[in-house]
């Protein structure tokens, strides 16, 4: 090809691209915005679906472990006497050492065949069982709205010759950081460790119960809803005819039933921060706070109008 023909082709290329640029420049901005929002919603929906699948996959071992532990604890309950109900003042490491000693004494074959004398201890929402093979088991029964929820189990044993206590089995949800609690508290005080686990489970069940209660009572008024696995980050939108807002709750402490940080933004021409509503959510559980929350948001919107 001659040099002159090549030059003509190269000169035409920018002009061939120009209609594409013109088309892009004339696309309505509103349409671009709508497409963008739809893409974001679709992406969030996909992430939430994968989030649920991941949670189910990671929770399967805990569920299988929980079923085995439930059977073992039920057998221990059937072979135990009625049990002792302890005051909080009696709950200390010395008592736990005594229970371990009872577990050691029952290690003989005769004790294993005749263990109806085992004593079951109760302290608050915890029950302490003497299990076989020199182990003790702790059953946690957290509650929400005075209704007991699922049970969680933790088995403690000791490792000779130091008799160091460690967790051998459990079905505590992995996202409640049991290993971190064990590392921080167990060797310093076993009872303190168990109290921390109890507090984390109770707070988790309470945070979850708040969301379930909110959806049950006011599901028609709740728009987008997101929560993390341990329910320590909760986001939802209110979509009532006279009340539209975005709410975000953050629980910096996994042992807390109330948020440490709240953000409530009323949706008007410009977002309005509703400080009174944020303060309210730090003091009341979500289902109980809902009506007052709506009133505060409506009042803030009217004051801004």
C-alpha atoms as a PDB file:
ATOM      1  CA  UNK A   1       0.000   0.000   0.000  1.00  0.00           C
ATOM      2  CA  UNK A   2       1.283   3.421  -0.895  1.00  0.00           C
ATOM      3  CA  UNK A   3       2.330   5.847   1.809  1.00  0.00           C
ATOM      4  CA  UNK A   4      -0.371   8.297   0.735  1.00  0.00           C
ATOM      5  CA  UNK A   5      -3.166   5.708   1.183  1.00  0.00           C
ATOM      6  CA  UNK A   6      -1.888   4.764   4.647  1.00  0.00           C
ATOM      7  CA  UNK A   7      -1.931   8.403   5.666  1.00  0.00           C
ATOM      8  CA  UNK A   8      -5.566   8.783   4.512  1.00  0.00           C
ATOM      9  CA  UNK A   9      -6.689   5.768   6.554  1.00  0.00           C
ATOM     10  CA  UNK A  10      -4.928   6.996   9.690  1.00  0.00           C
ATOM     11  CA  UNK A  11      -6.547  10.381   9.284  1.00  0.00           C
ATOM     12  CA  UNK A  12     -10.024   8.825   9.114  1.00  0.00           C
ATOM     13  CA  UNK A  13      -9.765   6.749  12.322  1.00  0.00           C
ATOM     14  CA  UNK A  14     -10.493   9.532  14.826  1.00  0.00           C
ATOM     15  CA  UNK A  15     -13.607  10.465  12.859  1.00  0.00           C
ATOM     16  CA  UNK A  16     -14.839   6.854  12.988  1.00  0.00           C
ATOM     17  CA  UNK A  17     -14.718   6.965  16.789  1.00  0.00           C
ATOM     18  CA  UNK A  18     -16.491  10.293  17.075  1.00  0.00           C
ATOM     19  CA  UNK A  19     -20.111   8.967  16.911  1.00  0.00           C
ATOM     20  CA  UNK A  20     -19.384   6.770  19.967  1.00  0.00           C
ATOM     21  CA  UNK A  21     -18.208   9.777  21.937  1.00  0.00           C
ATOM     22  CA  UNK A  22     -21.214  11.788  20.865  1.00  0.00           C
ATOM     23  CA  UNK A  23     -23.541   8.939  21.912  1.00  0.00           C
ATOM     24  CA  UNK A  24     -21.885   8.750  25.321  1.00  0.00           C
ATOM     25  CA  UNK A  25     -22.081  12.495  25.793  1.00  0.00           C
ATOM     26  CA  UNK A  26     -25.794  12.598  24.971  1.00  0.00           C
ATOM     27  CA  UNK A  27     -26.833   9.780  27.359  1.00  0.00           C
ATOM     28  CA  UNK A  28     -29.220  11.320  29.953  1.00  0.00           C
ATOM     29  CA  UNK A  29     -27.589  11.654  33.373  1.00  0.00           C
ATOM     30  CA  UNK A  30     -30.778  10.437  35.061  1.00  0.00           C
ATOM     31  CA  UNK A  31     -30.590   7.149  33.148  1.00  0.00           C
ATOM     32  CA  UNK A  32     -26.952   6.705  34.115  1.00  0.00           C
ATOM     33  CA  UNK A  33     -27.899   7.276  37.759  1.00  0.00           C
ATOM     34  CA  UNK A  34     -30.733   4.735  37.613  1.00  0.00           C
ATOM     35  CA  UNK A  35     -28.512   2.137  35.971  1.00  0.00           C
ATOM     36  CA  UNK A  36     -25.884   2.763  38.626  1.00  0.00           C
ATOM     37  CA  UNK A  37     -28.378   2.330  41.488  1.00  0.00           C
ATOM     38  CA  UNK A  38     -29.790  -0.849  39.962  1.00  0.00           C
ATOM     39  CA  UNK A  39     -26.287  -2.236  39.559  1.00  0.00           C
ATOM     40  CA  UNK A  40     -25.478  -1.431  43.181  1.00  0.00           C
ATOM     41  CA  UNK A  41     -28.698  -3.071  44.405  1.00  0.00           C
ATOM     42  CA  UNK A  42     -28.007  -6.170  42.326  1.00  0.00           C
ATOM     43  CA  UNK A  43     -24.462  -6.368  43.629  1.00  0.00           C
ATOM     44  CA  UNK A  44     -25.582  -5.965  47.251  1.00  0.00           C
ATOM     45  CA  UNK A  45     -28.246  -8.633  46.752  1.00  0.00           C
ATOM     46  CA  UNK A  46     -25.622 -10.992  45.354  1.00  0.00           C
ATOM     47  CA  UNK A  47     -23.264 -10.292  48.239  1.00  0.00           C
ATOM     48  CA  UNK A  48     -26.013 -10.948  50.773  1.00  0.00           C
ATOM     49  CA  UNK A  49     -26.855 -14.255  49.100  1.00  0.00           C
ATOM     50  CA  UNK A  50     -23.202 -15.339  49.147  1.00  0.00           C
ATOM     51  CA  UNK A  51     -23.010 -14.116  52.740  1.00  0.00           C
ATOM     52  CA  UNK A  52     -25.867 -16.457  53.713  1.00  0.00           C
ATOM     53  CA  UNK A  53     -24.301 -19.363  51.835  1.00  0.00           C
ATOM     54  CA  UNK A  54     -20.947 -18.777  53.537  1.00  0.00           C
ATOM     55  CA  UNK A  55     -22.594 -18.596  56.953  1.00  0.00           C
ATOM     56  CA  UNK A  56     -24.410 -21.866  56.312  1.00  0.00           C
ATOM     57  CA  UNK A  57     -21.210 -23.568  55.142  1.00  0.00           C
ATOM     58  CA  UNK A  58     -19.143 -22.367  58.084  1.00  0.00           C
ATOM     59  CA  UNK A  59     -21.903 -23.220  60.578  1.00  0.00           C
ATOM     60  CA  UNK A  60     -22.308 -26.862  59.489  1.00  0.00           C
ATOM     61  CA  UNK A  61     -19.467 -28.199  61.693  1.00  0.00           C
ATOM     62  CA  UNK A  62     -20.879 -26.302  64.687  1.00  0.00           C
ATOM     63  CA  UNK A  63     -24.344 -27.756  64.093  1.00  0.00           C
ATOM     64  CA  UNK A  64     -22.972 -31.292  63.836  1.00  0.00           C
ATOM     65  CA  UNK A  65     -20.874 -30.766  66.960  1.00  0.00           C
ATOM     66  CA  UNK A  66     -23.877 -29.239  68.734  1.00  0.00           C
ATOM     67  CA  UNK A  67     -26.053 -32.285  67.996  1.00  0.00           C
ATOM     68  CA  UNK A  68     -23.431 -34.656  69.449  1.00  0.00           C
ATOM     69  CA  UNK A  69     -22.903 -32.488  72.510  1.00  0.00           C
ATOM     70  CA  UNK A  70     -26.653 -32.139  73.084  1.00  0.00           C
ATOM     71  CA  UNK A  71     -26.971 -35.926  73.164  1.00  0.00           C
ATOM     72  CA  UNK A  72     -24.053 -36.285  75.586  1.00  0.00           C
ATOM     73  CA  UNK A  73     -25.391 -33.554  77.868  1.00  0.00           C
ATOM     74  CA  UNK A  74     -28.887 -35.071  77.839  1.00  0.00           C
ATOM     75  CA  UNK A  75     -27.430 -38.406  78.911  1.00  0.00           C
ATOM     76  CA  UNK A  76     -25.479 -36.664  81.671  1.00  0.00           C
ATOM     77  CA  UNK A  77     -28.641 -34.865  82.781  1.00  0.00           C
ATOM     78  CA  UNK A  78     -30.554 -38.148  82.982  1.00  0.00           C
ATOM     79  CA  UNK A  79     -27.837 -39.723  85.138  1.00  0.00           C
ATOM     80  CA  UNK A  80     -27.490 -36.742  87.492  1.00  0.00           C
ATOM     81  CA  UNK A  81     -29.299 -35.933  90.689  1.00  0.00           C
ATOM     82  CA  UNK A  82     -31.619 -32.923  90.846  1.00  0.00           C
ATOM     83  CA  UNK A  83     -28.722 -30.553  91.308  1.00  0.00           C
ATOM     84  CA  UNK A  84     -27.659 -27.574  93.345  1.00  0.00           C
ATOM     85  CA  UNK A  85     -28.707 -23.999  92.587  1.00  0.00           C
ATOM     86  CA  UNK A  86     -25.851 -21.672  93.402  1.00  0.00           C
ATOM     87  CA  UNK A  87     -25.829 -18.040  94.402  1.00  0.00           C
ATOM     88  CA  UNK A  88     -23.482 -15.757  92.514  1.00  0.00           C
ATOM     89  CA  UNK A  89     -21.368 -15.394  95.663  1.00  0.00           C
ATOM     90  CA  UNK A  90     -20.653 -19.146  95.569  1.00  0.00           C
ATOM     91  CA  UNK A  91     -19.517 -19.097  91.953  1.00  0.00           C
ATOM     92  CA  UNK A  92     -15.723 -19.043  92.005  1.00  0.00           C
ATOM     93  CA  UNK A  93     -12.680 -20.979  90.834  1.00  0.00           C
ATOM     94  CA  UNK A  94     -12.494 -22.964  94.084  1.00  0.00           C
ATOM     95  CA  UNK A  95     -15.938 -24.417  93.362  1.00  0.00           C
ATOM     96  CA  UNK A  96     -14.896 -25.294  89.832  1.00  0.00           C
ATOM     97  CA  UNK A  97     -11.820 -27.090  91.187  1.00  0.00           C
ATOM     98  CA  UNK A  98     -14.125 -29.083  93.478  1.00  0.00           C
ATOM     99  CA  UNK A  99     -16.280 -30.077  90.507  1.00  0.00           C
ATOM    100  CA  UNK A 100     -13.170 -31.167  88.604  1.00  0.00           C
ATOM    101  CA  UNK A 101     -12.122 -33.285  91.598  1.00  0.00           C
ATOM    102  CA  UNK A 102     -15.529 -34.979  91.517  1.00  0.00           C
ATOM    103  CA  UNK A 103     -15.003 -35.671  87.821  1.00  0.00           C
ATOM    104  CA  UNK A 104     -11.592 -37.224  88.591  1.00  0.00           C
ATOM    105  CA  UNK A 105     -13.039 -39.438  91.333  1.00  0.00           C
ATOM    106  CA  UNK A 106     -15.622 -40.839  88.909  1.00  0.00           C
ATOM    107  CA  UNK A 107     -12.997 -42.047  86.476  1.00  0.00           C
ATOM    108  CA  UNK A 108     -12.981 -45.578  87.917  1.00  0.00           C
ATOM    109  CA  UNK A 109     -14.918 -48.244  86.063  1.00  0.00           C
ATOM    110  CA  UNK A 110     -17.241 -48.680  89.037  1.00  0.00           C
ATOM    111  CA  UNK A 111     -18.166 -44.998  88.996  1.00  0.00           C
ATOM    112  CA  UNK A 112     -18.711 -45.095  85.249  1.00  0.00           C
ATOM    113  CA  UNK A 113     -21.194 -47.939  85.688  1.00  0.00           C
ATOM    114  CA  UNK A 114     -23.032 -46.274  88.545  1.00  0.00           C
ATOM    115  CA  UNK A 115     -22.987 -42.525  88.077  1.00  0.00           C
ATOM    116  CA  UNK A 116     -26.472 -41.658  89.315  1.00  0.00           C
ATOM    117  CA  UNK A 117     -24.871 -39.743  92.176  1.00  0.00           C
ATOM    118  CA  UNK A 118     -23.493 -37.049  89.910  1.00  0.00           C
ATOM    119  CA  UNK A 119     -24.507 -33.584  90.971  1.00  0.00           C
ATOM    120  CA  UNK A 120     -25.780 -31.016  88.481  1.00  0.00           C
ATOM    121  CA  UNK A 121     -24.958 -27.392  89.296  1.00  0.00           C
ATOM    122  CA  UNK A 122     -26.965 -24.354  88.190  1.00  0.00           C
ATOM    123  CA  UNK A 123     -25.769 -20.765  88.265  1.00  0.00           C
ATOM    124  CA  UNK A 124     -27.816 -18.164  86.404  1.00  0.00           C
ATOM    125  CA  UNK A 125     -28.270 -19.290  82.795  1.00  0.00           C
ATOM    126  CA  UNK A 126     -25.484 -21.872  83.107  1.00  0.00           C
ATOM    127  CA  UNK A 127     -25.652 -25.542  84.072  1.00  0.00           C
ATOM    128  CA  UNK A 128     -22.473 -27.451  84.970  1.00  0.00           C
ATOM    129  CA  UNK A 129     -22.334 -31.202  84.302  1.00  0.00           C
ATOM    130  CA  UNK A 130     -19.824 -33.844  85.340  1.00  0.00           C
ATOM    131  CA  UNK A 131     -18.974 -35.802  82.197  1.00  0.00           C
ATOM    132  CA  UNK A 132     -16.958 -38.959  81.629  1.00  0.00           C
ATOM    133  CA  UNK A 133     -13.185 -39.003  81.109  1.00  0.00           C
ATOM    134  CA  UNK A 134     -12.485 -36.346  83.731  1.00  0.00           C
ATOM    135  CA  UNK A 135     -14.339 -33.599  81.926  1.00  0.00           C
ATOM    136  CA  UNK A 136     -16.936 -31.070  82.959  1.00  0.00           C
ATOM    137  CA  UNK A 137     -19.504 -29.588  80.620  1.00  0.00           C
ATOM    138  CA  UNK A 138     -21.176 -26.196  80.711  1.00  0.00           C
ATOM    139  CA  UNK A 139     -24.566 -25.651  79.122  1.00  0.00           C
ATOM    140  CA  UNK A 140     -25.541 -22.054  78.289  1.00  0.00           C
ATOM    141  CA  UNK A 141     -29.202 -21.161  77.775  1.00  0.00           C
ATOM    142  CA  UNK A 142     -29.505 -17.526  76.650  1.00  0.00           C
ATOM    143  CA  UNK A 143     -32.948 -15.934  76.515  1.00  0.00           C
ATOM    144  CA  UNK A 144     -34.724 -13.109  74.728  1.00  0.00           C
ATOM    145  CA  UNK A 145     -37.964 -11.568  75.999  1.00  0.00           C
ATOM    146  CA  UNK A 146     -37.885 -14.132  78.823  1.00  0.00           C
ATOM    147  CA  UNK A 147     -38.000 -16.987  76.318  1.00  0.00           C
ATOM    148  CA  UNK A 148     -35.138 -19.479  76.279  1.00  0.00           C
ATOM    149  CA  UNK A 149     -33.364 -19.841  72.954  1.00  0.00           C
ATOM    150  CA  UNK A 150     -31.100 -22.581  71.599  1.00  0.00           C
ATOM    151  CA  UNK A 151     -28.564 -24.123  73.940  1.00  0.00           C
ATOM    152  CA  UNK A 152     -24.809 -23.867  73.584  1.00  0.00           C
ATOM    153  CA  UNK A 153     -22.207 -26.206  75.030  1.00  0.00           C
ATOM    154  CA  UNK A 154     -18.608 -25.984  76.146  1.00  0.00           C
ATOM    155  CA  UNK A 155     -16.551 -28.900  77.490  1.00  0.00           C
ATOM    156  CA  UNK A 156     -13.567 -28.229  79.748  1.00  0.00           C
ATOM    157  CA  UNK A 157     -10.830 -30.707  80.530  1.00  0.00           C
ATOM    158  CA  UNK A 158      -7.354 -30.610  82.016  1.00  0.00           C
ATOM    159  CA  UNK A 159      -4.015 -31.596  80.595  1.00  0.00           C
ATOM    160  CA  UNK A 160      -1.526 -33.342  82.937  1.00  0.00           C
ATOM    161  CA  UNK A 161       0.882 -32.875  84.528  1.00  0.00           C
ATOM    162  CA  UNK A 162       0.125 -29.166  84.931  1.00  0.00           C
ATOM    163  CA  UNK A 163      -3.664 -29.738  85.005  1.00  0.00           C
ATOM    164  CA  UNK A 164      -4.023 -26.733  82.745  1.00  0.00           C
ATOM    165  CA  UNK A 165      -7.683 -26.215  81.806  1.00  0.00           C
ATOM    166  CA  UNK A 166      -8.603 -25.931  78.145  1.00  0.00           C
ATOM    167  CA  UNK A 167     -11.680 -26.129  75.903  1.00  0.00           C
ATOM    168  CA  UNK A 168     -11.888 -29.550  74.256  1.00  0.00           C
ATOM    169  CA  UNK A 169     -15.273 -29.243  72.515  1.00  0.00           C
ATOM    170  CA  UNK A 170     -17.878 -26.560  71.923  1.00  0.00           C
ATOM    171  CA  UNK A 171     -20.568 -25.375  69.535  1.00  0.00           C
ATOM    172  CA  UNK A 172     -20.163 -21.646  70.187  1.00  0.00           C
ATOM    173  CA  UNK A 173     -20.631 -19.672  66.920  1.00  0.00           C
ATOM    174  CA  UNK A 174     -17.199 -19.059  65.404  1.00  0.00           C
ATOM    175  CA  UNK A 175     -17.870 -15.342  64.947  1.00  0.00           C
ATOM    176  CA  UNK A 176     -18.152 -14.754  68.719  1.00  0.00           C
ATOM    177  CA  UNK A 177     -14.369 -15.153  69.085  1.00  0.00           C
ATOM    178  CA  UNK A 178     -14.363 -17.954  71.675  1.00  0.00           C
ATOM    179  CA  UNK A 179     -10.653 -18.616  71.117  1.00  0.00           C
ATOM    180  CA  UNK A 180      -9.803 -15.006  71.906  1.00  0.00           C
ATOM    181  CA  UNK A 181     -11.914 -15.141  75.091  1.00  0.00           C
ATOM    182  CA  UNK A 182     -10.232 -18.423  76.048  1.00  0.00           C
ATOM    183  CA  UNK A 183      -6.770 -16.982  75.447  1.00  0.00           C
ATOM    184  CA  UNK A 184      -7.510 -13.855  77.475  1.00  0.00           C
ATOM    185  CA  UNK A 185      -9.442 -15.245  80.460  1.00  0.00           C
ATOM    186  CA  UNK A 186      -9.365 -19.024  80.904  1.00  0.00           C
ATOM    187  CA  UNK A 187      -5.948 -19.428  82.535  1.00  0.00           C
ATOM    188  CA  UNK A 188      -6.509 -16.441  84.813  1.00  0.00           C
ATOM    189  CA  UNK A 189      -9.958 -17.524  86.015  1.00  0.00           C
ATOM    190  CA  UNK A 190     -12.094 -20.339  84.626  1.00  0.00           C
ATOM    191  CA  UNK A 191     -15.296 -18.943  86.134  1.00  0.00           C
ATOM    192  CA  UNK A 192     -14.518 -15.511  84.707  1.00  0.00           C
ATOM    193  CA  UNK A 193     -13.997 -17.135  81.308  1.00  0.00           C
ATOM    194  CA  UNK A 194     -17.380 -18.883  81.502  1.00  0.00           C
ATOM    195  CA  UNK A 195     -19.074 -15.643  82.558  1.00  0.00           C
ATOM    196  CA  UNK A 196     -17.596 -13.883  79.512  1.00  0.00           C
ATOM    197  CA  UNK A 197     -18.823 -16.642  77.193  1.00  0.00           C
ATOM    198  CA  UNK A 198     -22.263 -16.410  78.813  1.00  0.00           C
ATOM    199  CA  UNK A 199     -22.349 -12.624  78.326  1.00  0.00           C
ATOM    200  CA  UNK A 200     -21.316 -12.891  74.669  1.00  0.00           C
ATOM    201  CA  UNK A 201     -23.968 -15.528  73.942  1.00  0.00           C
ATOM    202  CA  UNK A 202     -26.696 -13.595  75.746  1.00  0.00           C
ATOM    203  CA  UNK A 203     -25.822 -10.355  73.933  1.00  0.00           C
ATOM    204  CA  UNK A 204     -25.705 -12.143  70.563  1.00  0.00           C
ATOM    205  CA  UNK A 205     -29.127 -13.709  71.102  1.00  0.00           C
ATOM    206  CA  UNK A 206     -30.512 -10.339  72.220  1.00  0.00           C
ATOM    207  CA  UNK A 207     -29.182  -8.479  69.156  1.00  0.00           C
ATOM    208  CA  UNK A 208     -30.547 -11.179  66.874  1.00  0.00           C
ATOM    209  CA  UNK A 209     -33.884 -11.155  68.702  1.00  0.00           C
ATOM    210  CA  UNK A 210     -34.179  -7.398  68.218  1.00  0.00           C
ATOM    211  CA  UNK A 211     -33.928  -7.785  64.445  1.00  0.00           C
ATOM    212  CA  UNK A 212     -36.340 -10.725  64.343  1.00  0.00           C
ATOM    213  CA  UNK A 213     -38.797  -8.800  66.529  1.00  0.00           C
ATOM    214  CA  UNK A 214     -38.470  -5.687  64.382  1.00  0.00           C
ATOM    215  CA  UNK A 215     -39.197  -7.664  61.210  1.00  0.00           C
ATOM    216  CA  UNK A 216     -42.113  -9.469  62.832  1.00  0.00           C
ATOM    217  CA  UNK A 217     -43.790  -6.343  64.224  1.00  0.00           C
ATOM    218  CA  UNK A 218     -42.891  -3.757  61.595  1.00  0.00           C
ATOM    219  CA  UNK A 219     -41.746  -5.737  58.568  1.00  0.00           C
ATOM    220  CA  UNK A 220     -43.950  -3.773  56.168  1.00  0.00           C
ATOM    221  CA  UNK A 221     -42.205  -0.538  57.159  1.00  0.00           C
ATOM    222  CA  UNK A 222     -38.641  -1.863  56.943  1.00  0.00           C
ATOM    223  CA  UNK A 223     -36.858  -1.428  53.630  1.00  0.00           C
ATOM    224  CA  UNK A 224     -33.315  -2.620  53.023  1.00  0.00           C
ATOM    225  CA  UNK A 225     -31.917  -4.547  55.991  1.00  0.00           C
ATOM    226  CA  UNK A 226     -28.351  -5.701  56.580  1.00  0.00           C
ATOM    227  CA  UNK A 227     -26.607  -7.256  59.568  1.00  0.00           C
ATOM    228  CA  UNK A 228     -23.252  -8.895  60.177  1.00  0.00           C
ATOM    229  CA  UNK A 229     -22.990 -12.497  61.389  1.00  0.00           C
ATOM    230  CA  UNK A 230     -22.739 -11.593  65.111  1.00  0.00           C
ATOM    231  CA  UNK A 231     -25.280  -8.779  64.641  1.00  0.00           C
ATOM    232  CA  UNK A 232     -22.721  -6.226  65.818  1.00  0.00           C
ATOM    233  CA  UNK A 233     -23.423  -4.064  62.759  1.00  0.00           C
ATOM    234  CA  UNK A 234     -27.038  -3.452  61.777  1.00  0.00           C
ATOM    235  CA  UNK A 235     -28.315  -1.213  58.985  1.00  0.00           C
ATOM    236  CA  UNK A 236     -31.894  -0.740  57.856  1.00  0.00           C
ATOM    237  CA  UNK A 237     -34.147   1.828  56.247  1.00  0.00           C
ATOM    238  CA  UNK A 238     -37.551   3.014  57.447  1.00  0.00           C
ATOM    239  CA  UNK A 239     -40.053   3.391  54.657  1.00  0.00           C
ATOM    240  CA  UNK A 240     -43.327   4.698  56.052  1.00  0.00           C
ATOM    241  CA  UNK A 241     -45.514   7.271  54.261  1.00  0.00           C
ATOM    242  CA  UNK A 242     -44.628   9.955  56.813  1.00  0.00           C
ATOM    243  CA  UNK A 243     -41.255   8.638  57.969  1.00  0.00           C
ATOM    244  CA  UNK A 244     -38.289   7.752  55.810  1.00  0.00           C
ATOM    245  CA  UNK A 245     -34.841   7.315  57.314  1.00  0.00           C
ATOM    246  CA  UNK A 246     -31.645   5.286  57.311  1.00  0.00           C
ATOM    247  CA  UNK A 247     -30.551   3.732  60.608  1.00  0.00           C
ATOM    248  CA  UNK A 248     -27.169   2.248  61.482  1.00  0.00           C
ATOM    249  CA  UNK A 249     -26.240   0.584  64.780  1.00  0.00           C
ATOM    250  CA  UNK A 250     -22.715  -0.493  65.724  1.00  0.00           C
ATOM    251  CA  UNK A 251     -21.862  -2.649  68.746  1.00  0.00           C
ATOM    252  CA  UNK A 252     -18.165  -2.243  69.510  1.00  0.00           C
ATOM    253  CA  UNK A 253     -18.481  -4.711  72.391  1.00  0.00           C
ATOM    254  CA  UNK A 254     -19.739  -8.188  71.455  1.00  0.00           C
ATOM    255  CA  UNK A 255     -20.947  -8.625  75.035  1.00  0.00           C
ATOM    256  CA  UNK A 256     -23.311  -5.639  74.745  1.00  0.00           C
ATOM    257  CA  UNK A 257     -27.032  -5.719  74.011  1.00  0.00           C
ATOM    258  CA  UNK A 258     -27.111  -1.981  73.248  1.00  0.00           C
ATOM    259  CA  UNK A 259     -25.217  -0.161  70.485  1.00  0.00           C
ATOM    260  CA  UNK A 260     -22.228   2.015  71.260  1.00  0.00           C
ATOM    261  CA  UNK A 261     -22.653   4.052  68.073  1.00  0.00           C
ATOM    262  CA  UNK A 262     -25.893   5.019  66.326  1.00  0.00           C
ATOM    263  CA  UNK A 263     -26.633   7.022  63.201  1.00  0.00           C
ATOM    264  CA  UNK A 264     -30.150   8.061  62.201  1.00  0.00           C
ATOM    265  CA  UNK A 265     -30.551  10.117  59.027  1.00  0.00           C
ATOM    266  CA  UNK A 266     -34.020  11.302  58.058  1.00  0.00           C
ATOM    267  CA  UNK A 267     -34.471  11.273  54.283  1.00  0.00           C
ATOM    268  CA  UNK A 268     -35.580  14.710  53.135  1.00  0.00           C
ATOM    269  CA  UNK A 269     -34.294  16.953  50.356  1.00  0.00           C
ATOM    270  CA  UNK A 270     -31.070  16.670  52.343  1.00  0.00           C
ATOM    271  CA  UNK A 271     -30.322  14.047  54.989  1.00  0.00           C
ATOM    272  CA  UNK A 272     -31.054  15.211  58.542  1.00  0.00           C
ATOM    273  CA  UNK A 273     -29.162  13.784  61.500  1.00  0.00           C
ATOM    274  CA  UNK A 274     -31.663  12.942  64.266  1.00  0.00           C
ATOM    275  CA  UNK A 275     -29.651  13.070  67.494  1.00  0.00           C
ATOM    276  CA  UNK A 276     -32.600  12.392  69.819  1.00  0.00           C
ATOM    277  CA  UNK A 277     -33.417   9.208  67.929  1.00  0.00           C
ATOM    278  CA  UNK A 278     -29.785   8.098  68.173  1.00  0.00           C
ATOM    279  CA  UNK A 279     -29.806   8.663  71.920  1.00  0.00           C
ATOM    280  CA  UNK A 280     -33.055   6.704  72.190  1.00  0.00           C
ATOM    281  CA  UNK A 281     -31.555   3.661  70.445  1.00  0.00           C
ATOM    282  CA  UNK A 282     -28.692   3.548  72.934  1.00  0.00           C
ATOM    283  CA  UNK A 283     -31.163   3.064  75.797  1.00  0.00           C
ATOM    284  CA  UNK A 284     -33.994   0.911  74.406  1.00  0.00           C
ATOM    285  CA  UNK A 285     -34.132  -2.306  72.419  1.00  0.00           C
ATOM    286  CA  UNK A 286     -35.242  -1.898  68.815  1.00  0.00           C
ATOM    287  CA  UNK A 287     -38.784  -3.367  69.015  1.00  0.00           C
ATOM    288  CA  UNK A 288     -39.527  -1.281  72.131  1.00  0.00           C
ATOM    289  CA  UNK A 289     -37.989   1.869  70.670  1.00  0.00           C
ATOM    290  CA  UNK A 290     -39.690   1.730  67.267  1.00  0.00           C
ATOM    291  CA  UNK A 291     -42.720   3.960  67.922  1.00  0.00           C
ATOM    292  CA  UNK A 292     -40.640   6.620  69.674  1.00  0.00           C
ATOM    293  CA  UNK A 293     -38.034   6.368  66.924  1.00  0.00           C
ATOM    294  CA  UNK A 294     -40.642   7.170  64.271  1.00  0.00           C
ATOM    295  CA  UNK A 295     -41.938  10.124  66.311  1.00  0.00           C
ATOM    296  CA  UNK A 296     -38.455  11.607  66.709  1.00  0.00           C
ATOM    297  CA  UNK A 297     -37.739  11.270  62.989  1.00  0.00           C
ATOM    298  CA  UNK A 298     -41.070  12.853  62.056  1.00  0.00           C
ATOM    299  CA  UNK A 299     -40.478  15.720  64.496  1.00  0.00           C
ATOM    300  CA  UNK A 300     -37.010  16.362  63.065  1.00  0.00           C
ATOM    301  CA  UNK A 301     -38.366  16.366  59.510  1.00  0.00           C
ATOM    302  CA  UNK A 302     -41.141  18.832  60.405  1.00  0.00           C
ATOM    303  CA  UNK A 303     -38.685  21.135  62.175  1.00  0.00           C
ATOM    304  CA  UNK A 304     -36.480  21.172  59.088  1.00  0.00           C
ATOM    305  CA  UNK A 305     -39.358  21.848  56.672  1.00  0.00           C
END
